[in-house]
Amino acid sequence: MPSYSSRPSVRSQFDMQVDFFTELARAGIDALRRLSELNVHLARQLNDDAVNAGRAMLSCGYPFQLPVVAASEAAPFIEHLRSYQQQLGGLLSGARMAQARPPGARADGAAHVPLDIHHTPE
């Protein structure tokens, strides 16, 4: 029975597929890491905004000013959501660009050289 590891054409195709799936997995994990960081950053900002809004509303001396105070405290909240939306769009377009790269190309522009794990140095 012939061994497929000894055929150069089958082996190089297999190595290309392994490299492709490895790069795809790295790009996916990197995108998930950046998405997680972005979500945690937004959660912290919104938590701080809620605390600041609560303090401002509690320190309001006149009850009829509560809607005005609440509206003024909503501005940072809205700005953080807008910033999050822009950053999320950039992250998703960056992930799409990473998937569109040709096999063997890396994000830093360097060529990917597959390692020959069966080669023993002299």
Protein backbone atom coordinates (compact mmCIF):
# COMPACT_ATOMS: atom_id res chain seq x y z
CA MET A 1 0.00 0.00 0.00
CA PRO A 2 1.54 3.37 -1.02
CA SER A 3 2.38 5.91 1.64
CA TYR A 4 0.92 9.38 1.03
CA SER A 5 3.60 11.07 3.11
CA SER A 6 6.23 10.08 0.55
CA ARG A 7 4.39 11.73 -2.38
CA PRO A 8 5.54 15.34 -2.71
CA SER A 9 2.37 16.63 -4.40
CA VAL A 10 0.04 15.17 -1.77
CA ARG A 11 2.28 16.25 1.04
CA SER A 12 2.64 19.83 -0.16
CA GLN A 13 -1.12 20.11 -0.64
CA PHE A 14 -1.70 18.71 2.84
CA ASP A 15 0.86 21.16 4.29
CA MET A 16 -0.89 24.05 2.53
CA GLN A 17 -4.23 22.99 3.98
CA VAL A 18 -2.80 22.67 7.46
CA ASP A 19 -1.16 26.12 7.15
CA PHE A 20 -4.44 27.61 5.92
CA PHE A 21 -6.46 26.20 8.81
CA THR A 22 -3.77 27.22 11.29
CA GLU A 23 -3.82 30.82 10.03
CA LEU A 24 -7.62 30.80 9.99
CA ALA A 25 -7.72 29.60 13.60
CA ARG A 26 -5.16 32.24 14.64
CA ALA A 27 -7.16 34.98 12.93
CA GLY A 28 -10.36 33.78 14.61
CA ILE A 29 -8.79 33.60 18.04
CA ASP A 30 -7.21 37.03 17.61
CA ALA A 31 -10.56 38.50 16.52
CA LEU A 32 -12.29 36.95 19.53
CA ARG A 33 -9.58 38.32 21.85
CA ARG A 34 -9.99 41.82 20.44
CA LEU A 35 -13.79 41.55 20.63
CA SER A 36 -13.58 40.46 24.27
CA GLU A 37 -11.26 43.37 25.10
CA LEU A 38 -13.61 45.78 23.34
CA ASN A 39 -16.63 44.42 25.23
CA VAL A 40 -14.88 44.61 28.60
CA HIS A 41 -13.79 48.18 27.87
CA LEU A 42 -17.37 49.16 26.96
CA ALA A 43 -18.76 47.48 30.09
CA ARG A 44 -16.34 49.43 32.28
CA GLN A 45 -17.18 52.70 30.57
CA LEU A 46 -20.93 52.12 30.84
CA ASN A 47 -20.57 51.13 34.49
CA ASP A 48 -18.69 54.37 35.20
CA ASP A 49 -21.32 56.34 33.27
CA ALA A 50 -24.13 54.73 35.29
CA VAL A 51 -22.38 55.50 38.58
CA ASN A 52 -21.79 59.12 37.53
CA ALA A 53 -25.40 59.49 36.37
CA GLY A 54 -26.69 58.03 39.64
CA ARG A 55 -24.55 60.42 41.66
CA ALA A 56 -25.70 63.40 39.61
CA MET A 57 -29.35 62.42 39.97
CA LEU A 58 -29.01 61.82 43.71
CA SER A 59 -27.35 65.19 44.19
CA CYS A 60 -30.14 66.95 42.29
CA GLY A 61 -31.94 69.20 44.78
CA TYR A 62 -35.05 69.91 42.79
CA PRO A 63 -37.11 66.90 41.59
CA PHE A 64 -38.28 68.58 38.39
CA GLN A 65 -34.65 68.87 37.26
CA LEU A 66 -34.22 65.08 37.19
CA PRO A 67 -35.11 64.75 33.47
CA VAL A 68 -32.65 67.53 32.58
CA VAL A 69 -29.89 65.94 34.68
CA ALA A 70 -30.64 62.49 33.24
CA ALA A 71 -30.50 63.85 29.69
CA SER A 72 -27.19 65.60 30.33
CA GLU A 73 -25.71 62.46 31.88
CA ALA A 74 -26.81 60.39 28.86
CA ALA A 75 -24.35 62.19 26.56
CA PRO A 76 -21.23 60.21 27.64
CA PHE A 77 -23.24 56.98 27.46
CA ILE A 78 -24.29 57.71 23.88
CA GLU A 79 -20.74 58.75 22.92
CA HIS A 80 -19.31 55.50 24.33
CA LEU A 81 -21.86 53.44 22.39
CA ARG A 82 -21.04 55.34 19.17
CA SER A 83 -17.33 54.77 19.72
CA TYR A 84 -17.97 51.08 20.43
CA GLN A 85 -19.95 50.75 17.20
CA GLN A 86 -17.12 52.31 15.19
CA GLN A 87 -14.48 50.12 16.81
CA LEU A 88 -16.63 47.02 16.31
CA GLY A 89 -17.01 47.88 12.63
CA GLY A 90 -13.24 48.27 12.33
CA LEU A 91 -12.65 44.98 14.12
CA LEU A 92 -15.09 43.10 11.88
CA SER A 93 -13.69 44.61 8.69
CA GLY A 94 -10.17 43.78 9.89
CA ALA A 95 -11.20 40.17 10.51
CA ARG A 96 -12.72 40.01 7.05
CA MET A 97 -9.50 41.39 5.52
CA ALA A 98 -7.49 38.76 7.38
CA GLN A 99 -9.63 36.03 5.83
CA ALA A 100 -9.25 37.56 2.35
CA ARG A 101 -5.45 37.35 2.41
CA PRO A 102 -3.98 34.77 0.08
CA PRO A 103 -2.66 31.57 1.66
CA GLY A 104 0.85 32.02 2.96
CA ALA A 105 0.54 35.82 3.38
CA ARG A 106 0.70 37.27 6.86
CA ALA A 107 -0.75 40.49 8.26
CA ASP A 108 2.69 42.08 8.65
CA GLY A 109 3.42 41.54 4.96
CA ALA A 110 6.07 38.89 5.50
CA ALA A 111 5.82 35.67 3.58
CA HIS A 112 4.88 32.63 5.59
CA VAL A 113 7.43 29.87 5.30
CA PRO A 114 6.04 26.50 6.36
CA LEU A 115 8.27 24.51 8.68
CA ASP A 116 9.55 21.19 7.47
CA ILE A 117 9.11 19.04 10.53
CA HIS A 118 10.64 16.00 8.84
CA HIS A 119 13.92 17.70 7.96
CA THR A 120 16.78 16.99 10.34
CA PRO A 121 19.62 19.51 10.41
CA GLU A 122 23.10 18.19 9.72
